[in-house]
PDB file of N, CA and C in Angstrom:
ATOM      1  N   UNK A   1     -13.229 -15.007  -8.505  1.00  0.00           N
ATOM      2  CA  UNK A   1     -13.584 -16.409  -8.594  1.00  0.00           C
ATOM      3  C   UNK A   1     -13.643 -17.074  -7.214  1.00  0.00           C
ATOM      4  N   UNK A   2     -12.692 -16.672  -6.334  1.00  0.00           N
ATOM      5  CA  UNK A   2     -12.722 -17.230  -4.983  1.00  0.00           C
ATOM      6  C   UNK A   2     -13.998 -16.820  -4.246  1.00  0.00           C
ATOM      7  N   UNK A   3     -14.447 -15.594  -4.487  1.00  0.00           N
ATOM      8  CA  UNK A   3     -15.676 -15.146  -3.832  1.00  0.00           C
ATOM      9  C   UNK A   3     -16.868 -15.961  -4.306  1.00  0.00           C
ATOM     10  N   UNK A   4     -16.907 -16.251  -5.583  1.00  0.00           N
ATOM     11  CA  UNK A   4     -17.992 -17.078  -6.116  1.00  0.00           C
ATOM     12  C   UNK A   4     -17.904 -18.496  -5.553  1.00  0.00           C
ATOM     13  N   UNK A   5     -16.704 -19.042  -5.553  1.00  0.00           N
ATOM     14  CA  UNK A   5     -16.509 -20.380  -4.995  1.00  0.00           C
ATOM     15  C   UNK A   5     -16.907 -20.417  -3.526  1.00  0.00           C
ATOM     16  N   UNK A   6     -16.564 -19.374  -2.791  1.00  0.00           N
ATOM     17  CA  UNK A   6     -16.911 -19.307  -1.373  1.00  0.00           C
ATOM     18  C   UNK A   6     -18.421 -19.301  -1.173  1.00  0.00           C
ATOM     19  N   UNK A   7     -19.126 -18.499  -1.960  1.00  0.00           N
ATOM     20  CA  UNK A   7     -20.599 -18.467  -1.848  1.00  0.00           C
ATOM     21  C   UNK A   7     -21.206 -19.839  -2.101  1.00  0.00           C
ATOM     22  N   UNK A   8     -20.708 -20.530  -3.111  1.00  0.00           N
ATOM     23  CA  UNK A   8     -21.231 -21.861  -3.447  1.00  0.00           C
ATOM     24  C   UNK A   8     -20.930 -22.842  -2.316  1.00  0.00           C
ATOM     25  N   UNK A   9     -19.700 -22.821  -1.820  1.00  0.00           N
ATOM     26  CA  UNK A   9     -19.312 -23.740  -0.742  1.00  0.00           C
ATOM     27  C   UNK A   9     -20.151 -23.493   0.516  1.00  0.00           C
ATOM     28  N   UNK A  10     -20.317 -22.213   0.858  1.00  0.00           N
ATOM     29  CA  UNK A  10     -21.081 -21.881   2.056  1.00  0.00           C
ATOM     30  C   UNK A  10     -22.545 -22.264   1.893  1.00  0.00           C
ATOM     31  N   UNK A  11     -23.081 -22.094   0.718  1.00  0.00           N
ATOM     32  CA  UNK A  11     -24.472 -22.467   0.465  1.00  0.00           C
ATOM     33  C   UNK A  11     -24.650 -23.975   0.606  1.00  0.00           C
ATOM     34  N   UNK A  12     -23.692 -24.717   0.102  1.00  0.00           N
ATOM     35  CA  UNK A  12     -23.810 -26.180   0.119  1.00  0.00           C
ATOM     36  C   UNK A  12     -23.472 -26.783   1.483  1.00  0.00           C
ATOM     37  N   UNK A  13     -22.405 -26.290   2.124  1.00  0.00           N
ATOM     38  CA  UNK A  13     -21.911 -26.901   3.362  1.00  0.00           C
ATOM     39  C   UNK A  13     -22.227 -26.120   4.633  1.00  0.00           C
ATOM     40  N   UNK A  14     -22.509 -24.843   4.492  1.00  0.00           N
ATOM     41  CA  UNK A  14     -22.683 -23.977   5.650  1.00  0.00           C
ATOM     42  C   UNK A  14     -21.430 -23.148   5.865  1.00  0.00           C
ATOM     43  N   UNK A  15     -21.573 -22.039   6.569  1.00  0.00           N
ATOM     44  CA  UNK A  15     -20.475 -21.088   6.712  1.00  0.00           C
ATOM     45  C   UNK A  15     -19.309 -21.597   7.548  1.00  0.00           C
ATOM     46  N   UNK A  16     -19.536 -22.502   8.472  1.00  0.00           N
ATOM     47  CA  UNK A  16     -18.482 -22.948   9.381  1.00  0.00           C
ATOM     48  C   UNK A  16     -18.003 -24.366   9.118  1.00  0.00           C
ATOM     49  N   UNK A  17     -18.290 -24.904   7.955  1.00  0.00           N
ATOM     50  CA  UNK A  17     -17.844 -26.259   7.631  1.00  0.00           C
ATOM     51  C   UNK A  17     -16.365 -26.235   7.254  1.00  0.00           C
ATOM     52  N   UNK A  18     -15.662 -27.281   7.611  1.00  0.00           N
ATOM     53  CA  UNK A  18     -14.221 -27.336   7.404  1.00  0.00           C
ATOM     54  C   UNK A  18     -13.838 -27.254   5.925  1.00  0.00           C
ATOM     55  N   UNK A  19     -14.685 -27.687   5.024  1.00  0.00           N
ATOM     56  CA  UNK A  19     -14.338 -27.613   3.599  1.00  0.00           C
ATOM     57  C   UNK A  19     -14.365 -26.177   3.073  1.00  0.00           C
ATOM     58  N   UNK A  20     -14.959 -25.273   3.823  1.00  0.00           N
ATOM     59  CA  UNK A  20     -15.008 -23.853   3.441  1.00  0.00           C
ATOM     60  C   UNK A  20     -13.682 -23.157   3.774  1.00  0.00           C
ATOM     61  N   UNK A  21     -12.976 -23.654   4.766  1.00  0.00           N
ATOM     62  CA  UNK A  21     -11.768 -22.993   5.269  1.00  0.00           C
ATOM     63  C   UNK A  21     -10.697 -22.759   4.199  1.00  0.00           C
ATOM     64  N   UNK A  22     -10.371 -23.733   3.339  1.00  0.00           N
ATOM     65  CA  UNK A  22      -9.332 -23.462   2.338  1.00  0.00           C
ATOM     66  C   UNK A  22      -9.705 -22.328   1.366  1.00  0.00           C
ATOM     67  N   UNK A  23     -10.962 -22.240   1.000  1.00  0.00           N
ATOM     68  CA  UNK A  23     -11.379 -21.171   0.101  1.00  0.00           C
ATOM     69  C   UNK A  23     -11.317 -19.822   0.807  1.00  0.00           C
ATOM     70  N   UNK A  24     -11.726 -19.779   2.075  1.00  0.00           N
ATOM     71  CA  UNK A  24     -11.587 -18.555   2.858  1.00  0.00           C
ATOM     72  C   UNK A  24     -10.121 -18.132   2.929  1.00  0.00           C
ATOM     73  N   UNK A  25      -9.258 -19.096   3.209  1.00  0.00           N
ATOM     74  CA  UNK A  25      -7.828 -18.817   3.314  1.00  0.00           C
ATOM     75  C   UNK A  25      -7.270 -18.316   1.984  1.00  0.00           C
ATOM     76  N   UNK A  26      -7.655 -18.936   0.889  1.00  0.00           N
ATOM     77  CA  UNK A  26      -7.162 -18.521  -0.414  1.00  0.00           C
ATOM     78  C   UNK A  26      -7.607 -17.103  -0.761  1.00  0.00           C
ATOM     79  N   UNK A  27      -8.860 -16.786  -0.456  1.00  0.00           N
ATOM     80  CA  UNK A  27      -9.361 -15.437  -0.697  1.00  0.00           C
ATOM     81  C   UNK A  27      -8.613 -14.431   0.184  1.00  0.00           C
ATOM     82  N   UNK A  28      -8.368 -14.802   1.425  1.00  0.00           N
ATOM     83  CA  UNK A  28      -7.598 -13.937   2.327  1.00  0.00           C
ATOM     84  C   UNK A  28      -6.190 -13.703   1.780  1.00  0.00           C
ATOM     85  N   UNK A  29      -5.575 -14.739   1.216  1.00  0.00           N
ATOM     86  CA  UNK A  29      -4.244 -14.590   0.624  1.00  0.00           C
ATOM     87  C   UNK A  29      -4.257 -13.566  -0.509  1.00  0.00           C
ATOM     88  N   UNK A  30      -5.267 -13.641  -1.363  1.00  0.00           N
ATOM     89  CA  UNK A  30      -5.385 -12.689  -2.473  1.00  0.00           C
ATOM     90  C   UNK A  30      -5.527 -11.272  -1.931  1.00  0.00           C
ATOM     91  N   UNK A  31      -6.409 -11.106  -0.955  1.00  0.00           N
ATOM     92  CA  UNK A  31      -6.634  -9.772  -0.381  1.00  0.00           C
ATOM     93  C   UNK A  31      -5.371  -9.234   0.288  1.00  0.00           C
ATOM     94  N   UNK A  32      -4.651 -10.106   0.965  1.00  0.00           N
ATOM     95  CA  UNK A  32      -3.387  -9.694   1.613  1.00  0.00           C
ATOM     96  C   UNK A  32      -2.388  -9.219   0.571  1.00  0.00           C
ATOM     97  N   UNK A  33      -2.264  -9.959  -0.510  1.00  0.00           N
ATOM     98  CA  UNK A  33      -1.316  -9.571  -1.554  1.00  0.00           C
ATOM     99  C   UNK A  33      -1.747  -8.297  -2.275  1.00  0.00           C
ATOM    100  N   UNK A  34      -3.031  -8.000  -2.231  1.00  0.00           N
ATOM    101  CA  UNK A  34      -3.537  -6.750  -2.814  1.00  0.00           C
ATOM    102  C   UNK A  34      -3.439  -5.588  -1.829  1.00  0.00           C
ATOM    103  N   UNK A  35      -3.036  -5.881  -0.591  1.00  0.00           N
ATOM    104  CA  UNK A  35      -2.888  -4.837   0.415  1.00  0.00           C
ATOM    105  C   UNK A  35      -4.149  -4.538   1.204  1.00  0.00           C
ATOM    106  N   UNK A  36      -5.192  -5.347   1.031  1.00  0.00           N
ATOM    107  CA  UNK A  36      -6.427  -5.161   1.799  1.00  0.00           C
ATOM    108  C   UNK A  36      -6.311  -5.957   3.097  1.00  0.00           C
ATOM    109  N   UNK A  37      -5.502  -5.430   4.017  1.00  0.00           N
ATOM    110  CA  UNK A  37      -5.181  -6.148   5.238  1.00  0.00           C
ATOM    111  C   UNK A  37      -6.375  -6.290   6.179  1.00  0.00           C
ATOM    112  N   UNK A  38      -7.244  -5.303   6.203  1.00  0.00           N
ATOM    113  CA  UNK A  38      -8.402  -5.384   7.097  1.00  0.00           C
ATOM    114  C   UNK A  38      -9.308  -6.556   6.719  1.00  0.00           C
ATOM    115  N   UNK A  39      -9.622  -6.681   5.448  1.00  0.00           N
ATOM    116  CA  UNK A  39     -10.507  -7.773   5.014  1.00  0.00           C
ATOM    117  C   UNK A  39      -9.790  -9.119   5.089  1.00  0.00           C
ATOM    118  N   UNK A  40      -8.504  -9.130   4.757  1.00  0.00           N
ATOM    119  CA  UNK A  40      -7.731 -10.373   4.868  1.00  0.00           C
ATOM    120  C   UNK A  40      -7.729 -10.864   6.308  1.00  0.00           C
ATOM    121  N   UNK A  41      -7.573  -9.943   7.245  1.00  0.00           N
ATOM    122  CA  UNK A  41      -7.568 -10.294   8.669  1.00  0.00           C
ATOM    123  C   UNK A  41      -8.879 -10.956   9.070  1.00  0.00           C
ATOM    124  N   UNK A  42      -9.980 -10.392   8.635  1.00  0.00           N
ATOM    125  CA  UNK A  42     -11.296 -10.958   8.954  1.00  0.00           C
ATOM    126  C   UNK A  42     -11.412 -12.387   8.418  1.00  0.00           C
ATOM    127  N   UNK A  43     -10.969 -12.596   7.193  1.00  0.00           N
ATOM    128  CA  UNK A  43     -11.095 -13.927   6.586  1.00  0.00           C
ATOM    129  C   UNK A  43     -10.135 -14.929   7.222  1.00  0.00           C
ATOM    130  N   UNK A  44      -8.921 -14.493   7.556  1.00  0.00           N
ATOM    131  CA  UNK A  44      -8.009 -15.402   8.273  1.00  0.00           C
ATOM    132  C   UNK A  44      -8.573 -15.775   9.638  1.00  0.00           C
ATOM    133  N   UNK A  45      -9.181 -14.823  10.319  1.00  0.00           N
ATOM    134  CA  UNK A  45      -9.781 -15.123  11.628  1.00  0.00           C
ATOM    135  C   UNK A  45     -10.924 -16.115  11.485  1.00  0.00           C
ATOM    136  N   UNK A  46     -11.736 -15.968  10.449  1.00  0.00           N
ATOM    137  CA  UNK A  46     -12.816 -16.937  10.206  1.00  0.00           C
ATOM    138  C   UNK A  46     -12.241 -18.314   9.890  1.00  0.00           C
ATOM    139  N   UNK A  47     -11.209 -18.334   9.068  1.00  0.00           N
ATOM    140  CA  UNK A  47     -10.546 -19.595   8.732  1.00  0.00           C
ATOM    141  C   UNK A  47     -10.018 -20.266   9.991  1.00  0.00           C
ATOM    142  N   UNK A  48      -9.353 -19.486  10.816  1.00  0.00           N
ATOM    143  CA  UNK A  48      -8.780 -19.998  12.061  1.00  0.00           C
ATOM    144  C   UNK A  48      -9.859 -20.566  12.972  1.00  0.00           C
ATOM    145  N   UNK A  49     -10.965 -19.872  13.094  1.00  0.00           N
ATOM    146  CA  UNK A  49     -12.076 -20.344  13.925  1.00  0.00           C
ATOM    147  C   UNK A  49     -12.565 -21.715  13.443  1.00  0.00           C
ATOM    148  N   UNK A  50     -12.763 -21.848  12.147  1.00  0.00           N
ATOM    149  CA  UNK A  50     -13.237 -23.120  11.581  1.00  0.00           C
ATOM    150  C   UNK A  50     -12.210 -24.223  11.816  1.00  0.00           C
ATOM    151  N   UNK A  51     -10.953 -23.924  11.518  1.00  0.00           N
ATOM    152  CA  UNK A  51      -9.910 -24.941  11.667  1.00  0.00           C
ATOM    153  C   UNK A  51      -9.739 -25.385  13.112  1.00  0.00           C
ATOM    154  N   UNK A  52      -9.733 -24.442  14.033  1.00  0.00           N
ATOM    155  CA  UNK A  52      -9.565 -24.801  15.436  1.00  0.00           C
ATOM    156  C   UNK A  52     -10.746 -25.618  15.936  1.00  0.00           C
ATOM    157  N   UNK A  53     -11.922 -25.290  15.469  1.00  0.00           N
ATOM    158  CA  UNK A  53     -13.115 -26.049  15.858  1.00  0.00           C
ATOM    159  C   UNK A  53     -13.036 -27.485  15.329  1.00  0.00           C
ATOM    160  N   UNK A  54     -12.535 -27.636  14.133  1.00  0.00           N
ATOM    161  CA  UNK A  54     -12.492 -28.964  13.507  1.00  0.00           C
ATOM    162  C   UNK A  54     -11.241 -29.761  13.886  1.00  0.00           C
ATOM    163  N   UNK A  55     -10.070 -29.111  13.853  1.00  0.00           N
ATOM    164  CA  UNK A  55      -8.806 -29.816  14.062  1.00  0.00           C
ATOM    165  C   UNK A  55      -8.242 -29.696  15.470  1.00  0.00           C
ATOM    166  N   UNK A  56      -8.677 -28.672  16.214  1.00  0.00           N
ATOM    167  CA  UNK A  56      -8.079 -28.383  17.504  1.00  0.00           C
ATOM    168  C   UNK A  56      -7.024 -27.298  17.354  1.00  0.00           C
ATOM    169  N   UNK A  57      -6.395 -26.926  18.461  1.00  0.00           N
ATOM    170  CA  UNK A  57      -5.434 -25.817  18.488  1.00  0.00           C
ATOM    171  C   UNK A  57      -4.096 -26.151  17.842  1.00  0.00           C
ATOM    172  N   UNK A  58      -3.724 -27.407  17.841  1.00  0.00           N
ATOM    173  CA  UNK A  58      -2.376 -27.801  17.466  1.00  0.00           C
ATOM    174  C   UNK A  58      -2.387 -28.661  16.204  1.00  0.00           C
ATOM    175  N   UNK A  59      -2.591 -28.036  15.078  1.00  0.00           N
ATOM    176  CA  UNK A  59      -2.637 -28.725  13.788  1.00  0.00           C
ATOM    177  C   UNK A  59      -1.863 -27.886  12.788  1.00  0.00           C
ATOM    178  N   UNK A  60      -1.270 -28.518  11.799  1.00  0.00           N
ATOM    179  CA  UNK A  60      -0.459 -27.773  10.842  1.00  0.00           C
ATOM    180  C   UNK A  60      -1.290 -26.780  10.024  1.00  0.00           C
ATOM    181  N   UNK A  61      -2.543 -27.092   9.753  1.00  0.00           N
ATOM    182  CA  UNK A  61      -3.394 -26.132   9.042  1.00  0.00           C
ATOM    183  C   UNK A  61      -3.628 -24.894   9.894  1.00  0.00           C
ATOM    184  N   UNK A  62      -3.830 -25.109  11.179  1.00  0.00           N
ATOM    185  CA  UNK A  62      -3.991 -23.988  12.115  1.00  0.00           C
ATOM    186  C   UNK A  62      -2.698 -23.170  12.151  1.00  0.00           C
ATOM    187  N   UNK A  63      -1.563 -23.839  12.217  1.00  0.00           N
ATOM    188  CA  UNK A  63      -0.273 -23.143  12.258  1.00  0.00           C
ATOM    189  C   UNK A  63      -0.060 -22.303  11.002  1.00  0.00           C
ATOM    190  N   UNK A  64      -0.430 -22.835   9.871  1.00  0.00           N
ATOM    191  CA  UNK A  64      -0.289 -22.090   8.618  1.00  0.00           C
ATOM    192  C   UNK A  64      -1.154 -20.828   8.618  1.00  0.00           C
ATOM    193  N   UNK A  65      -2.364 -20.945   9.117  1.00  0.00           N
ATOM    194  CA  UNK A  65      -3.251 -19.789   9.187  1.00  0.00           C
ATOM    195  C   UNK A  65      -2.756 -18.786  10.227  1.00  0.00           C
ATOM    196  N   UNK A  66      -2.215 -19.271  11.341  1.00  0.00           N
ATOM    197  CA  UNK A  66      -1.612 -18.364  12.325  1.00  0.00           C
ATOM    198  C   UNK A  66      -0.489 -17.548  11.687  1.00  0.00           C
ATOM    199  N   UNK A  67       0.330 -18.207  10.895  1.00  0.00           N
ATOM    200  CA  UNK A  67       1.418 -17.521  10.204  1.00  0.00           C
ATOM    201  C   UNK A  67       0.861 -16.451   9.258  1.00  0.00           C
ATOM    202  N   UNK A  68      -0.158 -16.802   8.488  1.00  0.00           N
ATOM    203  CA  UNK A  68      -0.751 -15.845   7.555  1.00  0.00           C
ATOM    204  C   UNK A  68      -1.360 -14.651   8.283  1.00  0.00           C
ATOM    205  N   UNK A  69      -2.075 -14.928   9.351  1.00  0.00           N
ATOM    206  CA  UNK A  69      -2.689 -13.854  10.128  1.00  0.00           C
ATOM    207  C   UNK A  69      -1.609 -12.965  10.746  1.00  0.00           C
ATOM    208  N   UNK A  70      -0.528 -13.568  11.203  1.00  0.00           N
ATOM    209  CA  UNK A  70       0.572 -12.788  11.779  1.00  0.00           C
ATOM    210  C   UNK A  70       1.185 -11.847  10.748  1.00  0.00           C
ATOM    211  N   UNK A  71       1.283 -12.295   9.511  1.00  0.00           N
ATOM    212  CA  UNK A  71       1.805 -11.436   8.443  1.00  0.00           C
ATOM    213  C   UNK A  71       0.938 -10.185   8.307  1.00  0.00           C
ATOM    214  N   UNK A  72      -0.374 -10.380   8.325  1.00  0.00           N
ATOM    215  CA  UNK A  72      -1.301  -9.249   8.223  1.00  0.00           C
ATOM    216  C   UNK A  72      -1.140  -8.316   9.419  1.00  0.00           C
ATOM    217  N   UNK A  73      -1.109  -8.888  10.611  1.00  0.00           N
ATOM    218  CA  UNK A  73      -0.967  -8.070  11.814  1.00  0.00           C
ATOM    219  C   UNK A  73       0.338  -7.282  11.795  1.00  0.00           C
ATOM    220  N   UNK A  74       1.378  -7.897  11.293  1.00  0.00           N
ATOM    221  CA  UNK A  74       2.662  -7.208  11.190  1.00  0.00           C
ATOM    222  C   UNK A  74       2.537  -6.012  10.245  1.00  0.00           C
ATOM    223  N   UNK A  75       1.878  -6.199   9.115  1.00  0.00           N
ATOM    224  CA  UNK A  75       1.670  -5.094   8.176  1.00  0.00           C
ATOM    225  C   UNK A  75       0.823  -3.988   8.790  1.00  0.00           C
ATOM    226  N   UNK A  76      -0.057  -4.360   9.699  1.00  0.00           N
ATOM    227  CA  UNK A  76      -0.919  -3.373  10.356  1.00  0.00           C
ATOM    228  C   UNK A  76      -0.237  -2.721  11.558  1.00  0.00           C
ATOM    229  N   UNK A  77       0.957  -3.154  11.884  1.00  0.00           N
ATOM    230  CA  UNK A  77       1.696  -2.555  12.987  1.00  0.00           C
ATOM    231  C   UNK A  77       1.420  -3.164  14.344  1.00  0.00           C
ATOM    232  N   UNK A  78       0.691  -4.274  14.391  1.00  0.00           N
ATOM    233  CA  UNK A  78       0.405  -4.955  15.651  1.00  0.00           C
ATOM    234  C   UNK A  78       1.499  -6.007  15.889  1.00  0.00           C
ATOM    235  N   UNK A  79       2.688  -5.522  16.213  1.00  0.00           N
ATOM    236  CA  UNK A  79       3.867  -6.377  16.286  1.00  0.00           C
ATOM    237  C   UNK A  79       3.816  -7.395  17.428  1.00  0.00           C
ATOM    238  N   UNK A  80       3.274  -7.001  18.559  1.00  0.00           N
ATOM    239  CA  UNK A  80       3.203  -7.932  19.692  1.00  0.00           C
ATOM    240  C   UNK A  80       2.311  -9.125  19.375  1.00  0.00           C
ATOM    241  N   UNK A  81       1.163  -8.865  18.786  1.00  0.00           N
ATOM    242  CA  UNK A  81       0.242  -9.954  18.437  1.00  0.00           C
ATOM    243  C   UNK A  81       0.838 -10.810  17.315  1.00  0.00           C
ATOM    244  N   UNK A  82       1.468 -10.170  16.343  1.00  0.00           N
ATOM    245  CA  UNK A  82       2.104 -10.917  15.255  1.00  0.00           C
ATOM    246  C   UNK A  82       3.178 -11.847  15.810  1.00  0.00           C
ATOM    247  N   UNK A  83       3.996 -11.322  16.708  1.00  0.00           N
ATOM    248  CA  UNK A  83       5.059 -12.121  17.320  1.00  0.00           C
ATOM    249  C   UNK A  83       4.482 -13.341  18.039  1.00  0.00           C
ATOM    250  N   UNK A  84       3.426 -13.135  18.801  1.00  0.00           N
ATOM    251  CA  UNK A  84       2.807 -14.231  19.534  1.00  0.00           C
ATOM    252  C   UNK A  84       2.283 -15.313  18.579  1.00  0.00           C
ATOM    253  N   UNK A  85       1.640 -14.899  17.491  1.00  0.00           N
ATOM    254  CA  UNK A  85       1.099 -15.875  16.541  1.00  0.00           C
ATOM    255  C   UNK A  85       2.208 -16.615  15.805  1.00  0.00           C
ATOM    256  N   UNK A  86       3.269 -15.895  15.422  1.00  0.00           N
ATOM    257  CA  UNK A  86       4.411 -16.573  14.799  1.00  0.00           C
ATOM    258  C   UNK A  86       4.996 -17.621  15.736  1.00  0.00           C
ATOM    259  N   UNK A  87       5.137 -17.278  17.001  1.00  0.00           N
ATOM    260  CA  UNK A  87       5.702 -18.220  17.970  1.00  0.00           C
ATOM    261  C   UNK A  87       4.825 -19.461  18.117  1.00  0.00           C
ATOM    262  N   UNK A  88       3.516 -19.264  18.163  1.00  0.00           N
ATOM    263  CA  UNK A  88       2.603 -20.415  18.219  1.00  0.00           C
ATOM    264  C   UNK A  88       2.754 -21.293  16.986  1.00  0.00           C
ATOM    265  N   UNK A  89       2.857 -20.651  15.823  1.00  0.00           N
ATOM    266  CA  UNK A  89       2.995 -21.394  14.571  1.00  0.00           C
ATOM    267  C   UNK A  89       4.305 -22.185  14.554  1.00  0.00           C
ATOM    268  N   UNK A  90       5.387 -21.560  14.994  1.00  0.00           N
ATOM    269  CA  UNK A  90       6.684 -22.247  15.035  1.00  0.00           C
ATOM    270  C   UNK A  90       6.602 -23.483  15.920  1.00  0.00           C
ATOM    271  N   UNK A  91       6.036 -23.336  17.108  1.00  0.00           N
ATOM    272  CA  UNK A  91       5.924 -24.486  18.027  1.00  0.00           C
ATOM    273  C   UNK A  91       5.130 -25.627  17.388  1.00  0.00           C
ATOM    274  N   UNK A  92       4.059 -25.296  16.726  1.00  0.00           N
ATOM    275  CA  UNK A  92       3.231 -26.319  16.097  1.00  0.00           C
ATOM    276  C   UNK A  92       3.961 -26.986  14.934  1.00  0.00           C
ATOM    277  N   UNK A  93       4.591 -26.180  14.077  1.00  0.00           N
ATOM    278  CA  UNK A  93       5.341 -26.760  12.963  1.00  0.00           C
ATOM    279  C   UNK A  93       6.477 -27.647  13.468  1.00  0.00           C
ATOM    280  N   UNK A  94       7.191 -27.204  14.517  1.00  0.00           N
ATOM    281  CA  UNK A  94       8.271 -28.015  15.072  1.00  0.00           C
ATOM    282  C   UNK A  94       7.741 -29.339  15.611  1.00  0.00           C
ATOM    283  N   UNK A  95       6.608 -29.289  16.269  1.00  0.00           N
ATOM    284  CA  UNK A  95       6.018 -30.510  16.834  1.00  0.00           C
ATOM    285  C   UNK A  95       5.668 -31.511  15.737  1.00  0.00           C
ATOM    286  N   UNK A  96       5.111 -31.013  14.647  1.00  0.00           N
ATOM    287  CA  UNK A  96       4.636 -31.910  13.589  1.00  0.00           C
ATOM    288  C   UNK A  96       5.706 -32.288  12.573  1.00  0.00           C
ATOM    289  N   UNK A  97       6.635 -31.373  12.288  1.00  0.00           N
ATOM    290  CA  UNK A  97       7.597 -31.598  11.226  1.00  0.00           C
ATOM    291  C   UNK A  97       9.037 -31.780  11.712  1.00  0.00           C
ATOM    292  N   UNK A  98       9.331 -31.369  12.922  1.00  0.00           N
ATOM    293  CA  UNK A  98      10.706 -31.351  13.402  1.00  0.00           C
ATOM    294  C   UNK A  98      11.301 -29.958  13.251  1.00  0.00           C
ATOM    295  N   UNK A  99      12.432 -29.749  13.890  1.00  0.00           N
ATOM    296  CA  UNK A  99      13.030 -28.414  13.970  1.00  0.00           C
ATOM    297  C   UNK A  99      13.672 -27.933  12.673  1.00  0.00           C
ATOM    298  N   UNK A 100      13.957 -28.826  11.749  1.00  0.00           N
ATOM    299  CA  UNK A 100      14.690 -28.454  10.539  1.00  0.00           C
ATOM    300  C   UNK A 100      13.816 -28.419   9.291  1.00  0.00           C
ATOM    301  N   UNK A 101      12.530 -28.288   9.451  1.00  0.00           N
ATOM    302  CA  UNK A 101      11.617 -28.275   8.308  1.00  0.00           C
ATOM    303  C   UNK A 101      11.523 -26.874   7.710  1.00  0.00           C
ATOM    304  N   UNK A 102      11.240 -26.808   6.436  1.00  0.00           N
ATOM    305  CA  UNK A 102      11.150 -25.530   5.728  1.00  0.00           C
ATOM    306  C   UNK A 102      10.045 -24.627   6.287  1.00  0.00           C
ATOM    307  N   UNK A 103       8.941 -25.195   6.761  1.00  0.00           N
ATOM    308  CA  UNK A 103       7.864 -24.388   7.352  1.00  0.00           C
ATOM    309  C   UNK A 103       8.357 -23.706   8.631  1.00  0.00           C
ATOM    310  N   UNK A 104       9.163 -24.415   9.392  1.00  0.00           N
ATOM    311  CA  UNK A 104       9.746 -23.830  10.602  1.00  0.00           C
ATOM    312  C   UNK A 104      10.660 -22.674  10.212  1.00  0.00           C
ATOM    313  N   UNK A 105      11.522 -22.909   9.238  1.00  0.00           N
ATOM    314  CA  UNK A 105      12.460 -21.873   8.800  1.00  0.00           C
ATOM    315  C   UNK A 105      11.737 -20.642   8.270  1.00  0.00           C
ATOM    316  N   UNK A 106      10.708 -20.853   7.469  1.00  0.00           N
ATOM    317  CA  UNK A 106       9.949 -19.742   6.899  1.00  0.00           C
ATOM    318  C   UNK A 106       9.285 -18.905   7.982  1.00  0.00           C
ATOM    319  N   UNK A 107       8.688 -19.576   8.949  1.00  0.00           N
ATOM    320  CA  UNK A 107       7.999 -18.862  10.022  1.00  0.00           C
ATOM    321  C   UNK A 107       9.003 -18.171  10.950  1.00  0.00           C
ATOM    322  N   UNK A 108      10.139 -18.815  11.204  1.00  0.00           N
ATOM    323  CA  UNK A 108      11.196 -18.160  11.985  1.00  0.00           C
ATOM    324  C   UNK A 108      11.695 -16.899  11.279  1.00  0.00           C
ATOM    325  N   UNK A 109      11.801 -16.967   9.967  1.00  0.00           N
ATOM    326  CA  UNK A 109      12.212 -15.795   9.194  1.00  0.00           C
ATOM    327  C   UNK A 109      11.190 -14.663   9.337  1.00  0.00           C
ATOM    328  N   UNK A 110       9.912 -15.017   9.288  1.00  0.00           N
ATOM    329  CA  UNK A 110       8.864 -14.012   9.492  1.00  0.00           C
ATOM    330  C   UNK A 110       8.958 -13.400  10.885  1.00  0.00           C
ATOM    331  N   UNK A 111       9.192 -14.260  11.874  1.00  0.00           N
ATOM    332  CA  UNK A 111       9.330 -13.788  13.244  1.00  0.00           C
ATOM    333  C   UNK A 111      10.535 -12.853  13.383  1.00  0.00           C
ATOM    334  N   UNK A 112      11.627 -13.186  12.737  1.00  0.00           N
ATOM    335  CA  UNK A 112      12.822 -12.344  12.788  1.00  0.00           C
ATOM    336  C   UNK A 112      12.550 -10.956  12.221  1.00  0.00           C
ATOM    337  N   UNK A 113      11.692 -10.886  11.215  1.00  0.00           N
ATOM    338  CA  UNK A 113      11.348  -9.579  10.622  1.00  0.00           C
ATOM    339  C   UNK A 113      10.579  -8.695  11.609  1.00  0.00           C
ATOM    340  N   UNK A 114       9.854  -9.288  12.536  1.00  0.00           N
ATOM    341  CA  UNK A 114       9.136  -8.506  13.546  1.00  0.00           C
ATOM    342  C   UNK A 114      10.134  -7.818  14.470  1.00  0.00           C
ATOM    343  N   UNK A 115      11.244  -8.474  14.721  1.00  0.00           N
ATOM    344  CA  UNK A 115      12.247  -7.940  15.638  1.00  0.00           C
ATOM    345  C   UNK A 115      13.122  -6.850  15.039  1.00  0.00           C
ATOM    346  N   UNK A 116      12.993  -6.595  13.751  1.00  0.00           N
ATOM    347  CA  UNK A 116      13.822  -5.571  13.106  1.00  0.00           C
ATOM    348  C   UNK A 116      13.299  -4.181  13.378  1.00  0.00           C
TER     349      UNK A 116
END
């Protein structure tokens, strides 16, 4: 269903429109949970490109996608890149939400798993 929704959104708005990003992200989440890390990575990268173009580098939506992409990279064994993305996400979440927010804690927990 997400693939169908994505085709419709892209047809109506174009492939790089900001309204397409949530559907791309949702489809990437499904693929990640199914273990298709290669395709999930591609979709998270596309999502990130759209979000950064629209929102800039330092936005909570960007931070959330960085966290998701880092999860995929961690599963693929790219620990250094995953660590870097988690750290970027933590800094952004802290800036927007404060140091004691649940998003900060969740991302810190993900980062801690890279160090194990």
